[in-house]
Amino acid sequence: MTSVHNQGNPDPLLVMALPLESQGVFERANIPVLYTGIGKVNAAYALTKRLSEYVRAGRPMPQVINFGTAGSRRHVTGSILECHIFVQRDMDVTGLGVPLGVTPFEDAIPSRLEFPRLFPQLPGGECGSGDSFVMSEIAMECDVMEMEAYALAKVCWLERVAFTAVKYVTDGADHASGQDWHANLKLAADQFLLLYRRFRGEA
């Protein structure tokens, strides 16, 4: 587990992939959100760019909180987990004898990135990120599967920034995932806002 810098900044940095996932609830509450776009490349770029703005302004690094939706075969739809362990489920260099999920020639960086918990009232879990929307069985299955959190976690690990991710299970990572994801977006957004307000002592 890496040590992190979080020098008491009162305002955490909320990160989500899409405005669709927030359903406007954070905007109506005047709570800023960094939207990264879908996938690991977009997530890494957007967060790195934002954190560089903190550095240029001489501001302490924020606690980064990623709210997002995910599929799961281990937890029922409607479950909320705090993911504090992150893996890259689509990093596949097994043809060179490297285990699935391991980036070769990065010996100084663990393949499983782990961070301290921020929401102990939630069950913890492992999040597997990859550039695919999971609708069938895959080689590496985790508690939840989505498309951005590992990239966000790696940026924070490299920059020694505090990070956590809260994932709402919208679907079973199966043939009905697309329909179920759309149907559960509003429920997820409402839960994220409630959790954030409780975290800030506002509810």
C-alpha atoms as a PDB file:
ATOM      1  CA  MET A   1       0.000   0.000   0.000  1.00  0.00           C
ATOM      2  CA  THR A   2       1.413   3.342  -1.000  1.00  0.00           C
ATOM      3  CA  SER A   3       1.603   6.347   1.289  1.00  0.00           C
ATOM      4  CA  VAL A   4      -0.289   9.373   0.016  1.00  0.00           C
ATOM      5  CA  HIS A   5      -0.279  13.138   0.256  1.00  0.00           C
ATOM      6  CA  ASN A   6      -3.518  14.745   1.440  1.00  0.00           C
ATOM      7  CA  GLN A   7      -2.732  17.932   3.311  1.00  0.00           C
ATOM      8  CA  GLY A   8      -6.153  18.634   4.729  1.00  0.00           C
ATOM      9  CA  ASN A   9      -7.795  20.078   1.620  1.00  0.00           C
ATOM     10  CA  PRO A  10     -11.448  20.544   2.691  1.00  0.00           C
ATOM     11  CA  ASP A  11     -12.804  19.963  -0.818  1.00  0.00           C
ATOM     12  CA  PRO A  12     -12.375  16.481  -2.282  1.00  0.00           C
ATOM     13  CA  LEU A  13     -12.106  16.140  -6.038  1.00  0.00           C
ATOM     14  CA  LEU A  14     -15.099  14.188  -7.330  1.00  0.00           C
ATOM     15  CA  VAL A  15     -14.456  12.275 -10.540  1.00  0.00           C
ATOM     16  CA  MET A  16     -16.979  10.509 -12.762  1.00  0.00           C
ATOM     17  CA  ALA A  17     -16.798   9.218 -16.306  1.00  0.00           C
ATOM     18  CA  LEU A  18     -19.942  10.817 -17.714  1.00  0.00           C
ATOM     19  CA  PRO A  19     -22.567  13.447 -16.847  1.00  0.00           C
ATOM     20  CA  LEU A  20     -25.031  10.654 -17.633  1.00  0.00           C
ATOM     21  CA  GLU A  21     -23.835   8.877 -14.491  1.00  0.00           C
ATOM     22  CA  SER A  22     -24.543  11.891 -12.271  1.00  0.00           C
ATOM     23  CA  GLN A  23     -27.996  12.501 -13.800  1.00  0.00           C
ATOM     24  CA  GLY A  24     -27.643  16.201 -12.945  1.00  0.00           C
ATOM     25  CA  VAL A  25     -27.991  15.645  -9.188  1.00  0.00           C
ATOM     26  CA  PHE A  26     -24.551  17.062  -8.364  1.00  0.00           C
ATOM     27  CA  GLU A  27     -25.055  20.046 -10.659  1.00  0.00           C
ATOM     28  CA  ARG A  28     -28.376  20.857  -8.991  1.00  0.00           C
ATOM     29  CA  ALA A  29     -26.612  20.671  -5.616  1.00  0.00           C
ATOM     30  CA  ASN A  30     -23.814  22.969  -6.905  1.00  0.00           C
ATOM     31  CA  ILE A  31     -21.176  20.283  -6.322  1.00  0.00           C
ATOM     32  CA  PRO A  32     -18.415  20.324  -8.963  1.00  0.00           C
ATOM     33  CA  VAL A  33     -17.504  17.079 -10.708  1.00  0.00           C
ATOM     34  CA  LEU A  34     -14.628  16.284 -13.051  1.00  0.00           C
ATOM     35  CA  TYR A  35     -15.990  14.266 -15.970  1.00  0.00           C
ATOM     36  CA  THR A  36     -13.258  12.309 -17.711  1.00  0.00           C
ATOM     37  CA  GLY A  37     -14.950  10.529 -20.580  1.00  0.00           C
ATOM     38  CA  ILE A  38     -15.047   6.766 -21.018  1.00  0.00           C
ATOM     39  CA  GLY A  39     -12.043   4.477 -20.817  1.00  0.00           C
ATOM     40  CA  LYS A  40      -8.633   4.333 -19.198  1.00  0.00           C
ATOM     41  CA  VAL A  41      -6.860   6.760 -21.541  1.00  0.00           C
ATOM     42  CA  ASN A  42      -9.477   9.496 -21.142  1.00  0.00           C
ATOM     43  CA  ALA A  43      -9.573   8.959 -17.375  1.00  0.00           C
ATOM     44  CA  ALA A  44      -5.802   9.150 -16.962  1.00  0.00           C
ATOM     45  CA  TYR A  45      -5.511  12.244 -19.151  1.00  0.00           C
ATOM     46  CA  ALA A  46      -8.324  14.186 -17.484  1.00  0.00           C
ATOM     47  CA  LEU A  47      -7.190  13.482 -13.923  1.00  0.00           C
ATOM     48  CA  THR A  48      -3.518  14.184 -14.667  1.00  0.00           C
ATOM     49  CA  LYS A  49      -4.469  17.493 -16.262  1.00  0.00           C
ATOM     50  CA  ARG A  50      -6.612  18.489 -13.274  1.00  0.00           C
ATOM     51  CA  LEU A  51      -3.993  17.523 -10.687  1.00  0.00           C
ATOM     52  CA  SER A  52      -1.398  19.561 -12.582  1.00  0.00           C
ATOM     53  CA  GLU A  53      -3.642  22.590 -12.052  1.00  0.00           C
ATOM     54  CA  TYR A  54      -3.403  22.029  -8.293  1.00  0.00           C
ATOM     55  CA  VAL A  55       0.383  21.924  -8.575  1.00  0.00           C
ATOM     56  CA  ARG A  56       0.586  25.114 -10.651  1.00  0.00           C
ATOM     57  CA  ALA A  57      -1.705  26.922  -8.231  1.00  0.00           C
ATOM     58  CA  GLY A  58       0.351  25.772  -5.230  1.00  0.00           C
ATOM     59  CA  ARG A  59      -2.695  24.050  -3.730  1.00  0.00           C
ATOM     60  CA  PRO A  60      -2.497  20.892  -1.609  1.00  0.00           C
ATOM     61  CA  MET A  61      -3.505  17.738  -3.414  1.00  0.00           C
ATOM     62  CA  PRO A  62      -7.150  16.747  -2.942  1.00  0.00           C
ATOM     63  CA  GLN A  63      -8.709  13.512  -1.798  1.00  0.00           C
ATOM     64  CA  VAL A  64      -9.847  12.045  -5.110  1.00  0.00           C
ATOM     65  CA  ILE A  65     -13.202  10.249  -4.966  1.00  0.00           C
ATOM     66  CA  ASN A  66     -14.434   8.358  -7.998  1.00  0.00           C
ATOM     67  CA  PHE A  67     -18.166   7.676  -8.134  1.00  0.00           C
ATOM     68  CA  GLY A  68     -19.223   5.333 -10.888  1.00  0.00           C
ATOM     69  CA  THR A  69     -21.331   2.464 -12.127  1.00  0.00           C
ATOM     70  CA  ALA A  70     -20.112  -1.081 -12.570  1.00  0.00           C
ATOM     71  CA  GLY A  71     -21.143  -4.593 -13.442  1.00  0.00           C
ATOM     72  CA  SER A  72     -20.713  -7.535 -11.105  1.00  0.00           C
ATOM     73  CA  ARG A  73     -21.276 -11.268 -10.957  1.00  0.00           C
ATOM     74  CA  ARG A  74     -20.470 -11.375  -7.245  1.00  0.00           C
ATOM     75  CA  HIS A  75     -22.783  -8.663  -5.932  1.00  0.00           C
ATOM     76  CA  VAL A  76     -26.450  -8.101  -6.701  1.00  0.00           C
ATOM     77  CA  THR A  77     -27.672  -5.120  -8.667  1.00  0.00           C
ATOM     78  CA  GLY A  78     -28.157  -2.185  -6.317  1.00  0.00           C
ATOM     79  CA  SER A  79     -25.123  -3.017  -4.187  1.00  0.00           C
ATOM     80  CA  ILE A  80     -22.702  -0.204  -3.323  1.00  0.00           C
ATOM     81  CA  LEU A  81     -19.049  -0.996  -2.665  1.00  0.00           C
ATOM     82  CA  GLU A  82     -15.997   1.030  -1.817  1.00  0.00           C
ATOM     83  CA  CYS A  83     -13.311  -0.271  -4.122  1.00  0.00           C
ATOM     84  CA  HIS A  84      -9.863   0.154  -2.598  1.00  0.00           C
ATOM     85  CA  ILE A  85      -7.996  -2.423  -4.688  1.00  0.00           C
ATOM     86  CA  PHE A  86      -7.613  -1.891  -8.429  1.00  0.00           C
ATOM     87  CA  VAL A  87      -6.404  -4.108 -11.252  1.00  0.00           C
ATOM     88  CA  GLN A  88      -6.180  -3.712 -15.010  1.00  0.00           C
ATOM     89  CA  ARG A  89      -8.261  -6.643 -16.226  1.00  0.00           C
ATOM     90  CA  ASP A  90      -7.442  -6.221 -19.914  1.00  0.00           C
ATOM     91  CA  MET A  91      -3.654  -6.010 -19.588  1.00  0.00           C
ATOM     92  CA  ASP A  92      -2.820  -9.290 -21.316  1.00  0.00           C
ATOM     93  CA  VAL A  93       0.830 -10.063 -22.050  1.00  0.00           C
ATOM     94  CA  THR A  94       0.447 -13.756 -21.249  1.00  0.00           C
ATOM     95  CA  GLY A  95       2.033 -14.536 -24.617  1.00  0.00           C
ATOM     96  CA  LEU A  96       5.344 -13.402 -23.121  1.00  0.00           C
ATOM     97  CA  GLY A  97       4.825 -15.393 -19.939  1.00  0.00           C
ATOM     98  CA  VAL A  98       3.537 -12.424 -17.926  1.00  0.00           C
ATOM     99  CA  PRO A  99       0.531 -13.103 -15.651  1.00  0.00           C
ATOM    100  CA  LEU A 100      -2.794 -11.631 -16.717  1.00  0.00           C
ATOM    101  CA  GLY A 101      -3.259  -8.115 -15.352  1.00  0.00           C
ATOM    102  CA  VAL A 102       0.462  -7.433 -14.944  1.00  0.00           C
ATOM    103  CA  THR A 103       2.146  -4.680 -16.956  1.00  0.00           C
ATOM    104  CA  PRO A 104       5.582  -5.983 -17.963  1.00  0.00           C
ATOM    105  CA  PHE A 105       8.761  -4.110 -17.064  1.00  0.00           C
ATOM    106  CA  GLU A 106       7.048  -2.112 -14.281  1.00  0.00           C
ATOM    107  CA  ASP A 107       8.635  -3.891 -11.351  1.00  0.00           C
ATOM    108  CA  ALA A 108       8.393  -0.834  -9.091  1.00  0.00           C
ATOM    109  CA  ILE A 109       4.607  -0.581  -9.520  1.00  0.00           C
ATOM    110  CA  PRO A 110       2.382  -3.328  -8.075  1.00  0.00           C
ATOM    111  CA  SER A 111      -0.158  -4.846 -10.435  1.00  0.00           C
ATOM    112  CA  ARG A 112      -2.783  -4.542  -7.670  1.00  0.00           C
ATOM    113  CA  LEU A 113      -2.979  -0.952  -6.452  1.00  0.00           C
ATOM    114  CA  GLU A 114      -4.342  -0.626  -2.921  1.00  0.00           C
ATOM    115  CA  PHE A 115      -5.426   2.489  -1.028  1.00  0.00           C
ATOM    116  CA  PRO A 116      -6.728   3.212   2.497  1.00  0.00           C
ATOM    117  CA  ARG A 117     -10.490   3.010   2.981  1.00  0.00           C
ATOM    118  CA  LEU A 118     -12.510   6.222   3.220  1.00  0.00           C
ATOM    119  CA  PHE A 119     -16.033   4.786   3.646  1.00  0.00           C
ATOM    120  CA  PRO A 120     -15.729   1.976   6.231  1.00  0.00           C
ATOM    121  CA  GLN A 121     -19.525   1.672   6.411  1.00  0.00           C
ATOM    122  CA  LEU A 122     -19.512   0.226   2.894  1.00  0.00           C
ATOM    123  CA  PRO A 123     -18.311  -3.253   1.975  1.00  0.00           C
ATOM    124  CA  GLY A 124     -14.889  -3.188   0.375  1.00  0.00           C
ATOM    125  CA  GLY A 125     -13.994  -4.707  -2.931  1.00  0.00           C
ATOM    126  CA  GLU A 126     -11.609  -5.138  -5.826  1.00  0.00           C
ATOM    127  CA  CYS A 127     -12.287  -3.269  -9.062  1.00  0.00           C
ATOM    128  CA  GLY A 128     -11.159  -4.546 -12.438  1.00  0.00           C
ATOM    129  CA  SER A 129     -10.922  -1.880 -15.146  1.00  0.00           C
ATOM    130  CA  GLY A 130     -10.667  -2.447 -18.867  1.00  0.00           C
ATOM    131  CA  ASP A 131     -11.600  -0.846 -22.149  1.00  0.00           C
ATOM    132  CA  SER A 132     -14.651  -3.022 -22.673  1.00  0.00           C
ATOM    133  CA  PHE A 133     -18.228  -3.039 -21.420  1.00  0.00           C
ATOM    134  CA  VAL A 134     -18.510  -6.509 -19.921  1.00  0.00           C
ATOM    135  CA  MET A 135     -21.464  -8.576 -21.149  1.00  0.00           C
ATOM    136  CA  SER A 136     -20.042 -12.096 -20.894  1.00  0.00           C
ATOM    137  CA  GLU A 137     -17.493 -14.098 -18.963  1.00  0.00           C
ATOM    138  CA  ILE A 138     -13.948 -12.732 -19.009  1.00  0.00           C
ATOM    139  CA  ALA A 139     -10.622 -14.180 -17.942  1.00  0.00           C
ATOM    140  CA  MET A 140     -10.188 -11.900 -14.921  1.00  0.00           C
ATOM    141  CA  GLU A 141     -13.295 -11.264 -12.874  1.00  0.00           C
ATOM    142  CA  CYS A 142     -13.305  -9.022  -9.796  1.00  0.00           C
ATOM    143  CA  ASP A 143     -15.924  -7.821  -7.338  1.00  0.00           C
ATOM    144  CA  VAL A 144     -16.911  -5.181  -9.881  1.00  0.00           C
ATOM    145  CA  MET A 145     -15.885  -4.494 -13.462  1.00  0.00           C
ATOM    146  CA  GLU A 146     -15.842  -1.089 -15.130  1.00  0.00           C
ATOM    147  CA  MET A 147     -13.701   1.071 -17.425  1.00  0.00           C
ATOM    148  CA  GLU A 148     -11.846   3.895 -15.610  1.00  0.00           C
ATOM    149  CA  ALA A 149     -10.965   3.347 -11.947  1.00  0.00           C
ATOM    150  CA  TYR A 150      -7.640   1.569 -12.422  1.00  0.00           C
ATOM    151  CA  ALA A 151      -6.355   4.436 -14.571  1.00  0.00           C
ATOM    152  CA  LEU A 152      -7.442   6.976 -11.953  1.00  0.00           C
ATOM    153  CA  ALA A 153      -5.865   4.862  -9.216  1.00  0.00           C
ATOM    154  CA  LYS A 154      -2.579   4.577 -11.089  1.00  0.00           C
ATOM    155  CA  VAL A 155      -2.339   8.339 -11.597  1.00  0.00           C
ATOM    156  CA  CYS A 156      -2.996   8.843  -7.882  1.00  0.00           C
ATOM    157  CA  TRP A 157      -0.522   6.113  -6.915  1.00  0.00           C
ATOM    158  CA  LEU A 158       2.205   7.661  -9.044  1.00  0.00           C
ATOM    159  CA  GLU A 159       1.479  11.172  -7.747  1.00  0.00           C
ATOM    160  CA  ARG A 160       0.967   9.987  -4.157  1.00  0.00           C
ATOM    161  CA  VAL A 161      -2.563  11.360  -3.973  1.00  0.00           C
ATOM    162  CA  ALA A 162      -5.293   9.885  -1.771  1.00  0.00           C
ATOM    163  CA  PHE A 163      -7.842   7.935  -3.809  1.00  0.00           C
ATOM    164  CA  THR A 164     -10.935   5.816  -3.429  1.00  0.00           C
ATOM    165  CA  ALA A 165     -13.757   4.657  -5.689  1.00  0.00           C
ATOM    166  CA  VAL A 166     -17.374   3.972  -4.841  1.00  0.00           C
ATOM    167  CA  LYS A 167     -19.167   1.758  -7.330  1.00  0.00           C
ATOM    168  CA  TYR A 168     -22.907   1.155  -7.684  1.00  0.00           C
ATOM    169  CA  VAL A 169     -23.671  -2.204  -9.266  1.00  0.00           C
ATOM    170  CA  THR A 170     -26.053  -1.440 -12.125  1.00  0.00           C
ATOM    171  CA  ASP A 171     -25.928  -4.779 -13.903  1.00  0.00           C
ATOM    172  CA  GLY A 172     -24.812  -8.373 -13.786  1.00  0.00           C
ATOM    173  CA  ALA A 173     -22.095  -8.064 -16.441  1.00  0.00           C
ATOM    174  CA  ASP A 174     -24.191 -10.297 -18.676  1.00  0.00           C
ATOM    175  CA  HIS A 175     -26.330 -10.204 -21.818  1.00  0.00           C
ATOM    176  CA  ALA A 176     -28.754  -7.701 -20.219  1.00  0.00           C
ATOM    177  CA  SER A 177     -26.063  -5.312 -18.991  1.00  0.00           C
ATOM    178  CA  GLY A 178     -26.739  -2.500 -21.437  1.00  0.00           C
ATOM    179  CA  GLN A 179     -30.441  -2.270 -20.636  1.00  0.00           C
ATOM    180  CA  ASP A 180     -29.886  -2.689 -16.892  1.00  0.00           C
ATOM    181  CA  TRP A 181     -27.165  -0.013 -16.850  1.00  0.00           C
ATOM    182  CA  HIS A 182     -29.484   2.607 -18.338  1.00  0.00           C
ATOM    183  CA  ALA A 183     -32.346   1.605 -16.031  1.00  0.00           C
ATOM    184  CA  ASN A 184     -30.293   2.043 -12.849  1.00  0.00           C
ATOM    185  CA  LEU A 185     -28.401   5.270 -13.538  1.00  0.00           C
ATOM    186  CA  LYS A 186     -30.751   7.532 -11.551  1.00  0.00           C
ATOM    187  CA  LEU A 187     -30.736   5.187  -8.557  1.00  0.00           C
ATOM    188  CA  ALA A 188     -26.938   5.197  -8.597  1.00  0.00           C
ATOM    189  CA  ALA A 189     -26.687   8.987  -8.848  1.00  0.00           C
ATOM    190  CA  ASP A 190     -29.064   9.510  -5.916  1.00  0.00           C
ATOM    191  CA  GLN A 191     -27.030   7.137  -3.760  1.00  0.00           C
ATOM    192  CA  PHE A 192     -23.771   8.853  -4.684  1.00  0.00           C
ATOM    193  CA  LEU A 193     -25.142  12.249  -3.683  1.00  0.00           C
ATOM    194  CA  LEU A 194     -26.480  10.910  -0.382  1.00  0.00           C
ATOM    195  CA  LEU A 195     -23.157   9.269   0.413  1.00  0.00           C
ATOM    196  CA  TYR A 196     -21.222  12.414  -0.450  1.00  0.00           C
ATOM    197  CA  ARG A 197     -23.435  14.593   1.745  1.00  0.00           C
ATOM    198  CA  ARG A 198     -23.027  12.214   4.656  1.00  0.00           C
ATOM    199  CA  PHE A 199     -19.263  12.236   4.110  1.00  0.00           C
ATOM    200  CA  ARG A 200     -19.301  16.033   4.301  1.00  0.00           C
ATOM    201  CA  GLY A 201     -21.578  15.979   7.372  1.00  0.00           C
ATOM    202  CA  GLU A 202     -24.468  17.541   5.459  1.00  0.00           C
ATOM    203  CA  ALA A 203     -26.999  14.734   5.881  1.00  0.00           C
END
